[in-house]
């Protein structure tokens, strides 16, 4: 599939760094979506924690073919590189007019890695309407590190995103993004298949970097979100800058000199 893989460009990579998610609408073919609706209700055989991706799923399995969709394969390669480890996977099912809204949470204990991140793939085999209670997420929350459900008491943050999407949509989340499934108030069963991946290589320049100098890259990295407070909104940009430096290997990249100011280590000695 190497010849067909569609890598992310720098603008989309910067969007992921700022938002903590990347959405690929309707990229999975209709026949694979139809197969998913037969496979997912039965469950997907698990792979032990830490299994290399090439060994986790049989080549002819539904999951292997899902991950071989060019846009999906390219995005995964761009975010975590070749041969990531499978952390875990799960099929989430919400019955018609059933279930409760999850508390807002991140899928991790406090993770202080400044130079690496896991990604979680979320696949929706059918259309998700507002009534079906798709995944809610808070853009730009992933670098404000919390311990799992520390944010569970928060409700309806400004600018939150409640997923509504066409069939065959795949969303990639940074492991720290605040999110939660909603109650299904429709008359249709809702399915979501998720897989978490751990990188095994340094996540540096793994995407199509031909547009690295595009002005839209900086514009994406400097975006604000409605729930940000003025002061800590600057801290989010600071943390994005650190992550972008790691991803690109550029130690001088900055947004309005936020990192440069606090990195100054004067070496001069007065006479």
C-alpha atoms as a PDB file:
ATOM      1  CA  UNK A   1       0.000   0.000   0.000  1.00  0.00           C
ATOM      2  CA  UNK A   2       3.040   2.341   0.148  1.00  0.00           C
ATOM      3  CA  UNK A   3       2.321   3.692  -3.351  1.00  0.00           C
ATOM      4  CA  UNK A   4      -1.270   4.523  -2.432  1.00  0.00           C
ATOM      5  CA  UNK A   5      -0.727   5.903   1.060  1.00  0.00           C
ATOM      6  CA  UNK A   6      -1.852   9.530   1.408  1.00  0.00           C
ATOM      7  CA  UNK A   7       0.337  11.297   3.957  1.00  0.00           C
ATOM      8  CA  UNK A   8      -0.815  14.396   5.811  1.00  0.00           C
ATOM      9  CA  UNK A   9       0.649  17.721   4.733  1.00  0.00           C
ATOM     10  CA  UNK A  10       2.150  20.243   7.146  1.00  0.00           C
ATOM     11  CA  UNK A  11      -1.004  22.341   7.349  1.00  0.00           C
ATOM     12  CA  UNK A  12      -3.096  19.372   8.467  1.00  0.00           C
ATOM     13  CA  UNK A  13      -0.367  18.255  10.856  1.00  0.00           C
ATOM     14  CA  UNK A  14      -0.305  21.731  12.415  1.00  0.00           C
ATOM     15  CA  UNK A  15      -4.099  21.572  12.705  1.00  0.00           C
ATOM     16  CA  UNK A  16      -3.772  18.316  14.649  1.00  0.00           C
ATOM     17  CA  UNK A  17      -1.147  19.850  16.952  1.00  0.00           C
ATOM     18  CA  UNK A  18      -3.447  22.797  17.684  1.00  0.00           C
ATOM     19  CA  UNK A  19      -6.792  20.982  17.891  1.00  0.00           C
ATOM     20  CA  UNK A  20      -5.711  17.577  19.175  1.00  0.00           C
ATOM     21  CA  UNK A  21      -7.753  15.791  16.523  1.00  0.00           C
ATOM     22  CA  UNK A  22      -7.949  15.141  12.806  1.00  0.00           C
ATOM     23  CA  UNK A  23     -11.185  14.256  11.044  1.00  0.00           C
ATOM     24  CA  UNK A  24     -11.373  12.321   7.757  1.00  0.00           C
ATOM     25  CA  UNK A  25     -14.953  12.425   6.492  1.00  0.00           C
ATOM     26  CA  UNK A  26     -16.408   9.471   4.531  1.00  0.00           C
ATOM     27  CA  UNK A  27     -13.009   8.011   3.580  1.00  0.00           C
ATOM     28  CA  UNK A  28     -13.963   4.365   4.198  1.00  0.00           C
ATOM     29  CA  UNK A  29     -15.716   2.771   1.182  1.00  0.00           C
ATOM     30  CA  UNK A  30     -19.405   1.863   1.429  1.00  0.00           C
ATOM     31  CA  UNK A  31     -18.744  -1.882   1.081  1.00  0.00           C
ATOM     32  CA  UNK A  32     -16.347  -1.834   4.038  1.00  0.00           C
ATOM     33  CA  UNK A  33     -18.868   0.135   6.101  1.00  0.00           C
ATOM     34  CA  UNK A  34     -21.517  -2.481   5.316  1.00  0.00           C
ATOM     35  CA  UNK A  35     -19.121  -5.215   6.383  1.00  0.00           C
ATOM     36  CA  UNK A  36     -18.398  -3.344   9.608  1.00  0.00           C
ATOM     37  CA  UNK A  37     -22.074  -3.353  10.543  1.00  0.00           C
ATOM     38  CA  UNK A  38     -21.981  -7.161  10.344  1.00  0.00           C
ATOM     39  CA  UNK A  39     -18.604  -7.571  12.065  1.00  0.00           C
ATOM     40  CA  UNK A  40     -18.715  -5.045  14.919  1.00  0.00           C
ATOM     41  CA  UNK A  41     -21.835  -6.413  16.683  1.00  0.00           C
ATOM     42  CA  UNK A  42     -19.971  -9.725  17.095  1.00  0.00           C
ATOM     43  CA  UNK A  43     -16.881  -8.019  18.463  1.00  0.00           C
ATOM     44  CA  UNK A  44     -13.312  -7.936  17.157  1.00  0.00           C
ATOM     45  CA  UNK A  45     -10.696 -10.411  18.471  1.00  0.00           C
ATOM     46  CA  UNK A  46      -8.312  -8.596  20.777  1.00  0.00           C
ATOM     47  CA  UNK A  47      -4.560  -8.243  20.366  1.00  0.00           C
ATOM     48  CA  UNK A  48      -2.321  -8.291  23.472  1.00  0.00           C
ATOM     49  CA  UNK A  49      -1.094  -4.909  24.668  1.00  0.00           C
ATOM     50  CA  UNK A  50       2.042  -3.836  22.812  1.00  0.00           C
ATOM     51  CA  UNK A  51       1.581  -6.049  19.744  1.00  0.00           C
ATOM     52  CA  UNK A  52       3.283  -4.544  16.651  1.00  0.00           C
ATOM     53  CA  UNK A  53       0.647  -3.464  14.165  1.00  0.00           C
ATOM     54  CA  UNK A  54       1.898  -5.856  11.469  1.00  0.00           C
ATOM     55  CA  UNK A  55       1.255  -8.761  13.844  1.00  0.00           C
ATOM     56  CA  UNK A  56      -1.938  -7.588  15.514  1.00  0.00           C
ATOM     57  CA  UNK A  57      -4.475  -8.309  12.768  1.00  0.00           C
ATOM     58  CA  UNK A  58      -4.629 -10.992  10.078  1.00  0.00           C
ATOM     59  CA  UNK A  59      -4.016  -9.516   6.599  1.00  0.00           C
ATOM     60  CA  UNK A  60      -7.504 -10.437   5.395  1.00  0.00           C
ATOM     61  CA  UNK A  61      -9.274  -9.255   8.569  1.00  0.00           C
ATOM     62  CA  UNK A  62     -11.730  -6.373   8.636  1.00  0.00           C
ATOM     63  CA  UNK A  63      -9.412  -4.283  10.823  1.00  0.00           C
ATOM     64  CA  UNK A  64      -6.404  -4.769   8.544  1.00  0.00           C
ATOM     65  CA  UNK A  65      -8.434  -3.671   5.528  1.00  0.00           C
ATOM     66  CA  UNK A  66      -9.814  -0.670   7.428  1.00  0.00           C
ATOM     67  CA  UNK A  67      -6.279   0.439   8.302  1.00  0.00           C
ATOM     68  CA  UNK A  68      -5.201  -0.066   4.679  1.00  0.00           C
ATOM     69  CA  UNK A  69      -7.613   2.597   3.379  1.00  0.00           C
ATOM     70  CA  UNK A  70      -5.096   5.051   1.832  1.00  0.00           C
ATOM     71  CA  UNK A  71      -6.231   8.133   3.765  1.00  0.00           C
ATOM     72  CA  UNK A  72      -6.338   6.188   7.044  1.00  0.00           C
ATOM     73  CA  UNK A  73      -2.984   4.508   6.482  1.00  0.00           C
ATOM     74  CA  UNK A  74      -1.388   7.804   5.489  1.00  0.00           C
ATOM     75  CA  UNK A  75      -2.712   9.712   8.485  1.00  0.00           C
ATOM     76  CA  UNK A  76      -1.610   6.983  10.895  1.00  0.00           C
ATOM     77  CA  UNK A  77       1.878   6.892   9.341  1.00  0.00           C
ATOM     78  CA  UNK A  78       2.108  10.695   9.527  1.00  0.00           C
ATOM     79  CA  UNK A  79       1.140  10.789  13.202  1.00  0.00           C
ATOM     80  CA  UNK A  80       2.953   7.801  14.743  1.00  0.00           C
ATOM     81  CA  UNK A  81       5.226   6.466  12.016  1.00  0.00           C
ATOM     82  CA  UNK A  82       5.761   2.895  10.823  1.00  0.00           C
ATOM     83  CA  UNK A  83       4.957  -0.177  12.886  1.00  0.00           C
ATOM     84  CA  UNK A  84       3.273   1.380  15.934  1.00  0.00           C
ATOM     85  CA  UNK A  85       2.184  -0.850  18.793  1.00  0.00           C
ATOM     86  CA  UNK A  86      -1.483  -1.620  19.367  1.00  0.00           C
ATOM     87  CA  UNK A  87      -2.336  -0.447  22.872  1.00  0.00           C
ATOM     88  CA  UNK A  88      -5.908  -1.754  22.843  1.00  0.00           C
ATOM     89  CA  UNK A  89      -9.084  -1.639  20.815  1.00  0.00           C
ATOM     90  CA  UNK A  90     -12.776  -1.706  21.633  1.00  0.00           C
ATOM     91  CA  UNK A  91     -16.181  -1.653  19.965  1.00  0.00           C
ATOM     92  CA  UNK A  92     -18.507   0.879  21.601  1.00  0.00           C
ATOM     93  CA  UNK A  93     -22.220   0.251  21.151  1.00  0.00           C
ATOM     94  CA  UNK A  94     -25.053   2.560  22.147  1.00  0.00           C
ATOM     95  CA  UNK A  95     -28.495   1.003  21.897  1.00  0.00           C
ATOM     96  CA  UNK A  96     -31.476   3.063  20.680  1.00  0.00           C
ATOM     97  CA  UNK A  97     -32.632   5.569  23.296  1.00  0.00           C
ATOM     98  CA  UNK A  98     -30.122   4.157  25.727  1.00  0.00           C
ATOM     99  CA  UNK A  99     -26.940   4.716  27.583  1.00  0.00           C
ATOM    100  CA  UNK A 100     -25.700   7.666  29.577  1.00  0.00           C
ATOM    101  CA  UNK A 101     -23.384  10.459  28.562  1.00  0.00           C
ATOM    102  CA  UNK A 102     -19.815   9.752  29.588  1.00  0.00           C
ATOM    103  CA  UNK A 103     -18.124  12.307  31.801  1.00  0.00           C
ATOM    104  CA  UNK A 104     -15.654  14.488  29.997  1.00  0.00           C
ATOM    105  CA  UNK A 105     -12.300  12.701  30.225  1.00  0.00           C
ATOM    106  CA  UNK A 106      -8.935  11.971  28.656  1.00  0.00           C
ATOM    107  CA  UNK A 107      -7.909   8.396  27.892  1.00  0.00           C
ATOM    108  CA  UNK A 108      -4.805   8.530  30.045  1.00  0.00           C
ATOM    109  CA  UNK A 109      -3.387   9.192  33.460  1.00  0.00           C
ATOM    110  CA  UNK A 110      -1.394  12.421  33.583  1.00  0.00           C
ATOM    111  CA  UNK A 111       1.063  11.978  30.705  1.00  0.00           C
ATOM    112  CA  UNK A 112       3.979  14.387  30.915  1.00  0.00           C
ATOM    113  CA  UNK A 113       5.787  13.335  27.726  1.00  0.00           C
ATOM    114  CA  UNK A 114       6.634  16.564  25.866  1.00  0.00           C
ATOM    115  CA  UNK A 115       8.128  14.758  22.882  1.00  0.00           C
ATOM    116  CA  UNK A 116       5.732  11.893  22.096  1.00  0.00           C
ATOM    117  CA  UNK A 117       2.029  11.115  22.002  1.00  0.00           C
ATOM    118  CA  UNK A 118      -0.287   8.188  21.341  1.00  0.00           C
ATOM    119  CA  UNK A 119      -3.174   8.475  18.929  1.00  0.00           C
ATOM    120  CA  UNK A 120      -6.600   6.958  19.084  1.00  0.00           C
ATOM    121  CA  UNK A 121      -8.477   6.074  15.916  1.00  0.00           C
ATOM    122  CA  UNK A 122     -12.264   6.323  16.077  1.00  0.00           C
ATOM    123  CA  UNK A 123     -14.223   4.830  13.171  1.00  0.00           C
ATOM    124  CA  UNK A 124     -17.934   5.411  12.523  1.00  0.00           C
ATOM    125  CA  UNK A 125     -19.355   2.893   9.989  1.00  0.00           C
ATOM    126  CA  UNK A 126     -22.697   4.661   9.590  1.00  0.00           C
ATOM    127  CA  UNK A 127     -23.966   8.210   9.564  1.00  0.00           C
ATOM    128  CA  UNK A 128     -23.999   9.795  13.017  1.00  0.00           C
ATOM    129  CA  UNK A 129     -26.756  12.346  13.559  1.00  0.00           C
ATOM    130  CA  UNK A 130     -26.997  14.784  16.446  1.00  0.00           C
ATOM    131  CA  UNK A 131     -29.705  12.626  18.052  1.00  0.00           C
ATOM    132  CA  UNK A 132     -27.429   9.568  17.966  1.00  0.00           C
ATOM    133  CA  UNK A 133     -25.075  11.157  20.475  1.00  0.00           C
ATOM    134  CA  UNK A 134     -21.727  11.012  18.747  1.00  0.00           C
ATOM    135  CA  UNK A 135     -18.449  11.652  20.525  1.00  0.00           C
ATOM    136  CA  UNK A 136     -18.137  15.087  22.113  1.00  0.00           C
ATOM    137  CA  UNK A 137     -14.664  16.629  22.273  1.00  0.00           C
ATOM    138  CA  UNK A 138     -13.083  19.911  23.335  1.00  0.00           C
ATOM    139  CA  UNK A 139     -10.730  21.263  20.648  1.00  0.00           C
ATOM    140  CA  UNK A 140      -7.337  22.354  21.937  1.00  0.00           C
ATOM    141  CA  UNK A 141      -7.640  20.607  25.303  1.00  0.00           C
ATOM    142  CA  UNK A 142      -5.064  17.858  24.737  1.00  0.00           C
ATOM    143  CA  UNK A 143      -2.015  19.689  26.096  1.00  0.00           C
ATOM    144  CA  UNK A 144      -3.737  20.792  29.308  1.00  0.00           C
ATOM    145  CA  UNK A 145      -2.827  17.565  31.053  1.00  0.00           C
ATOM    146  CA  UNK A 146      -5.328  15.905  33.373  1.00  0.00           C
ATOM    147  CA  UNK A 147      -5.756  12.563  35.089  1.00  0.00           C
ATOM    148  CA  UNK A 148      -8.516  10.755  33.212  1.00  0.00           C
ATOM    149  CA  UNK A 149     -11.839  12.079  34.610  1.00  0.00           C
ATOM    150  CA  UNK A 150     -10.531  15.203  36.373  1.00  0.00           C
ATOM    151  CA  UNK A 151     -12.761  17.177  33.979  1.00  0.00           C
ATOM    152  CA  UNK A 152     -15.829  15.021  34.607  1.00  0.00           C
ATOM    153  CA  UNK A 153     -17.666  17.820  36.426  1.00  0.00           C
ATOM    154  CA  UNK A 154     -17.407  20.184  33.450  1.00  0.00           C
ATOM    155  CA  UNK A 155     -20.431  20.494  31.178  1.00  0.00           C
ATOM    156  CA  UNK A 156     -20.922  22.260  27.853  1.00  0.00           C
ATOM    157  CA  UNK A 157     -17.666  24.142  27.394  1.00  0.00           C
ATOM    158  CA  UNK A 158     -17.765  26.925  24.816  1.00  0.00           C
ATOM    159  CA  UNK A 159     -16.622  25.723  21.418  1.00  0.00           C
ATOM    160  CA  UNK A 160     -17.008  22.026  22.169  1.00  0.00           C
ATOM    161  CA  UNK A 161     -17.524  19.753  19.172  1.00  0.00           C
ATOM    162  CA  UNK A 162     -20.320  17.173  19.195  1.00  0.00           C
ATOM    163  CA  UNK A 163     -19.624  14.825  16.318  1.00  0.00           C
ATOM    164  CA  UNK A 164     -22.090  14.669  13.442  1.00  0.00           C
ATOM    165  CA  UNK A 165     -20.630  12.868  10.431  1.00  0.00           C
ATOM    166  CA  UNK A 166     -21.310  10.783   7.322  1.00  0.00           C
ATOM    167  CA  UNK A 167     -20.760   7.029   7.183  1.00  0.00           C
ATOM    168  CA  UNK A 168     -17.154   5.926   6.880  1.00  0.00           C
ATOM    169  CA  UNK A 169     -15.680   8.781   8.893  1.00  0.00           C
ATOM    170  CA  UNK A 170     -12.452   8.269  10.829  1.00  0.00           C
ATOM    171  CA  UNK A 171     -11.216  10.626  13.548  1.00  0.00           C
ATOM    172  CA  UNK A 172      -7.733  10.550  15.065  1.00  0.00           C
ATOM    173  CA  UNK A 173      -7.369  11.910  18.606  1.00  0.00           C
ATOM    174  CA  UNK A 174      -4.293  12.897  20.586  1.00  0.00           C
ATOM    175  CA  UNK A 175      -4.383  10.731  23.726  1.00  0.00           C
ATOM    176  CA  UNK A 176      -4.861  13.781  25.957  1.00  0.00           C
ATOM    177  CA  UNK A 177      -7.923  15.259  24.241  1.00  0.00           C
ATOM    178  CA  UNK A 178     -10.918  15.793  26.527  1.00  0.00           C
ATOM    179  CA  UNK A 179     -13.894  13.881  25.136  1.00  0.00           C
ATOM    180  CA  UNK A 180     -16.881  11.717  26.002  1.00  0.00           C
ATOM    181  CA  UNK A 181     -19.580   9.664  24.305  1.00  0.00           C
ATOM    182  CA  UNK A 182     -23.109  11.032  24.425  1.00  0.00           C
ATOM    183  CA  UNK A 183     -26.436   9.318  25.105  1.00  0.00           C
ATOM    184  CA  UNK A 184     -28.141   7.853  22.018  1.00  0.00           C
ATOM    185  CA  UNK A 185     -31.575   9.475  21.748  1.00  0.00           C
ATOM    186  CA  UNK A 186     -32.327   8.095  18.288  1.00  0.00           C
ATOM    187  CA  UNK A 187     -34.074   4.892  17.277  1.00  0.00           C
ATOM    188  CA  UNK A 188     -30.891   3.481  15.691  1.00  0.00           C
ATOM    189  CA  UNK A 189     -28.040   1.534  17.274  1.00  0.00           C
ATOM    190  CA  UNK A 190     -24.792   3.516  17.178  1.00  0.00           C
ATOM    191  CA  UNK A 191     -21.395   1.851  16.687  1.00  0.00           C
ATOM    192  CA  UNK A 192     -17.900   3.224  17.099  1.00  0.00           C
ATOM    193  CA  UNK A 193     -14.706   1.195  16.752  1.00  0.00           C
ATOM    194  CA  UNK A 194     -11.575   2.576  18.393  1.00  0.00           C
ATOM    195  CA  UNK A 195      -7.920   1.569  18.365  1.00  0.00           C
ATOM    196  CA  UNK A 196      -5.131   3.223  20.350  1.00  0.00           C
ATOM    197  CA  UNK A 197      -1.611   3.234  18.907  1.00  0.00           C
ATOM    198  CA  UNK A 198       1.762   3.780  20.612  1.00  0.00           C
ATOM    199  CA  UNK A 199       4.610   5.079  18.417  1.00  0.00           C
ATOM    200  CA  UNK A 200       7.882   3.167  18.252  1.00  0.00           C
ATOM    201  CA  UNK A 201       9.890   5.791  16.340  1.00  0.00           C
ATOM    202  CA  UNK A 202      10.610   9.427  17.020  1.00  0.00           C
ATOM    203  CA  UNK A 203       7.628  11.400  15.733  1.00  0.00           C
ATOM    204  CA  UNK A 204       9.686  13.796  13.649  1.00  0.00           C
ATOM    205  CA  UNK A 205       8.932  14.867  10.063  1.00  0.00           C
ATOM    206  CA  UNK A 206       6.862  11.761   9.372  1.00  0.00           C
ATOM    207  CA  UNK A 207       4.400  13.558   7.097  1.00  0.00           C
ATOM    208  CA  UNK A 208       4.644  15.281   3.686  1.00  0.00           C
ATOM    209  CA  UNK A 209       6.782  18.306   4.585  1.00  0.00           C
ATOM    210  CA  UNK A 210       6.801  19.934   1.145  1.00  0.00           C
ATOM    211  CA  UNK A 211       4.567  22.726   2.490  1.00  0.00           C
ATOM    212  CA  UNK A 212       6.415  23.224   5.798  1.00  0.00           C
ATOM    213  CA  UNK A 213       6.964  26.929   5.033  1.00  0.00           C
ATOM    214  CA  UNK A 214       3.340  27.567   4.065  1.00  0.00           C
ATOM    215  CA  UNK A 215       2.060  30.571   6.120  1.00  0.00           C
ATOM    216  CA  UNK A 216      -1.055  28.557   6.927  1.00  0.00           C
ATOM    217  CA  UNK A 217       1.061  26.315   9.168  1.00  0.00           C
ATOM    218  CA  UNK A 218       1.716  29.148  11.620  1.00  0.00           C
ATOM    219  CA  UNK A 219      -1.909  30.299  11.319  1.00  0.00           C
ATOM    220  CA  UNK A 220      -3.111  26.825  12.338  1.00  0.00           C
ATOM    221  CA  UNK A 221      -0.690  26.634  15.261  1.00  0.00           C
ATOM    222  CA  UNK A 222      -1.710  30.075  16.551  1.00  0.00           C
ATOM    223  CA  UNK A 223      -5.467  29.463  16.574  1.00  0.00           C
ATOM    224  CA  UNK A 224      -7.471  30.101  19.752  1.00  0.00           C
ATOM    225  CA  UNK A 225     -10.588  28.353  21.023  1.00  0.00           C
ATOM    226  CA  UNK A 226     -13.645  29.886  22.738  1.00  0.00           C
ATOM    227  CA  UNK A 227     -13.134  28.118  26.083  1.00  0.00           C
ATOM    228  CA  UNK A 228      -9.575  29.425  26.556  1.00  0.00           C
ATOM    229  CA  UNK A 229      -8.971  31.937  29.315  1.00  0.00           C
ATOM    230  CA  UNK A 230      -6.744  34.811  28.255  1.00  0.00           C
ATOM    231  CA  UNK A 231      -3.711  33.853  30.332  1.00  0.00           C
ATOM    232  CA  UNK A 232      -3.797  30.097  29.990  1.00  0.00           C
ATOM    233  CA  UNK A 233      -4.677  30.406  26.324  1.00  0.00           C
ATOM    234  CA  UNK A 234      -1.114  31.641  25.972  1.00  0.00           C
ATOM    235  CA  UNK A 235       0.107  28.548  27.804  1.00  0.00           C
ATOM    236  CA  UNK A 236      -1.656  26.336  25.249  1.00  0.00           C
ATOM    237  CA  UNK A 237       0.263  28.096  22.476  1.00  0.00           C
ATOM    238  CA  UNK A 238       3.462  27.683  24.467  1.00  0.00           C
ATOM    239  CA  UNK A 239       2.927  23.926  24.713  1.00  0.00           C
ATOM    240  CA  UNK A 240       2.028  23.709  21.023  1.00  0.00           C
ATOM    241  CA  UNK A 241       5.291  25.449  20.204  1.00  0.00           C
ATOM    242  CA  UNK A 242       7.249  22.899  22.226  1.00  0.00           C
ATOM    243  CA  UNK A 243       5.473  20.041  20.461  1.00  0.00           C
ATOM    244  CA  UNK A 244       6.000  21.561  17.003  1.00  0.00           C
ATOM    245  CA  UNK A 245       9.705  22.012  17.769  1.00  0.00           C
ATOM    246  CA  UNK A 246       9.905  18.313  18.613  1.00  0.00           C
ATOM    247  CA  UNK A 247       7.957  17.238  15.532  1.00  0.00           C
ATOM    248  CA  UNK A 248      10.007  19.347  13.120  1.00  0.00           C
ATOM    249  CA  UNK A 249      13.417  19.386  14.823  1.00  0.00           C
ATOM    250  CA  UNK A 250      13.404  23.188  14.589  1.00  0.00           C
ATOM    251  CA  UNK A 251      14.638  24.533  17.965  1.00  0.00           C
ATOM    252  CA  UNK A 252      13.971  28.148  16.959  1.00  0.00           C
ATOM    253  CA  UNK A 253      10.307  27.920  15.972  1.00  0.00           C
ATOM    254  CA  UNK A 254       8.096  30.138  18.108  1.00  0.00           C
ATOM    255  CA  UNK A 255       4.734  31.885  18.293  1.00  0.00           C
ATOM    256  CA  UNK A 256       5.117  35.510  19.382  1.00  0.00           C
ATOM    257  CA  UNK A 257       8.309  34.566  21.266  1.00  0.00           C
ATOM    258  CA  UNK A 258       6.445  32.770  24.078  1.00  0.00           C
ATOM    259  CA  UNK A 259       9.034  30.006  24.403  1.00  0.00           C
ATOM    260  CA  UNK A 260      12.022  32.176  23.519  1.00  0.00           C
ATOM    261  CA  UNK A 261      11.302  34.540  26.421  1.00  0.00           C
ATOM    262  CA  UNK A 262      11.471  31.812  29.050  1.00  0.00           C
ATOM    263  CA  UNK A 263      14.366  29.935  27.455  1.00  0.00           C
ATOM    264  CA  UNK A 264      16.824  32.790  27.850  1.00  0.00           C
ATOM    265  CA  UNK A 265      19.878  31.739  29.858  1.00  0.00           C
ATOM    266  CA  UNK A 266      22.209  34.731  30.035  1.00  0.00           C
ATOM    267  CA  UNK A 267      25.888  33.699  29.992  1.00  0.00           C
ATOM    268  CA  UNK A 268      27.566  37.065  30.203  1.00  0.00           C
ATOM    269  CA  UNK A 269      29.506  38.115  33.302  1.00  0.00           C
ATOM    270  CA  UNK A 270      29.719  41.719  34.413  1.00  0.00           C
ATOM    271  CA  UNK A 271      33.162  43.227  34.611  1.00  0.00           C
END
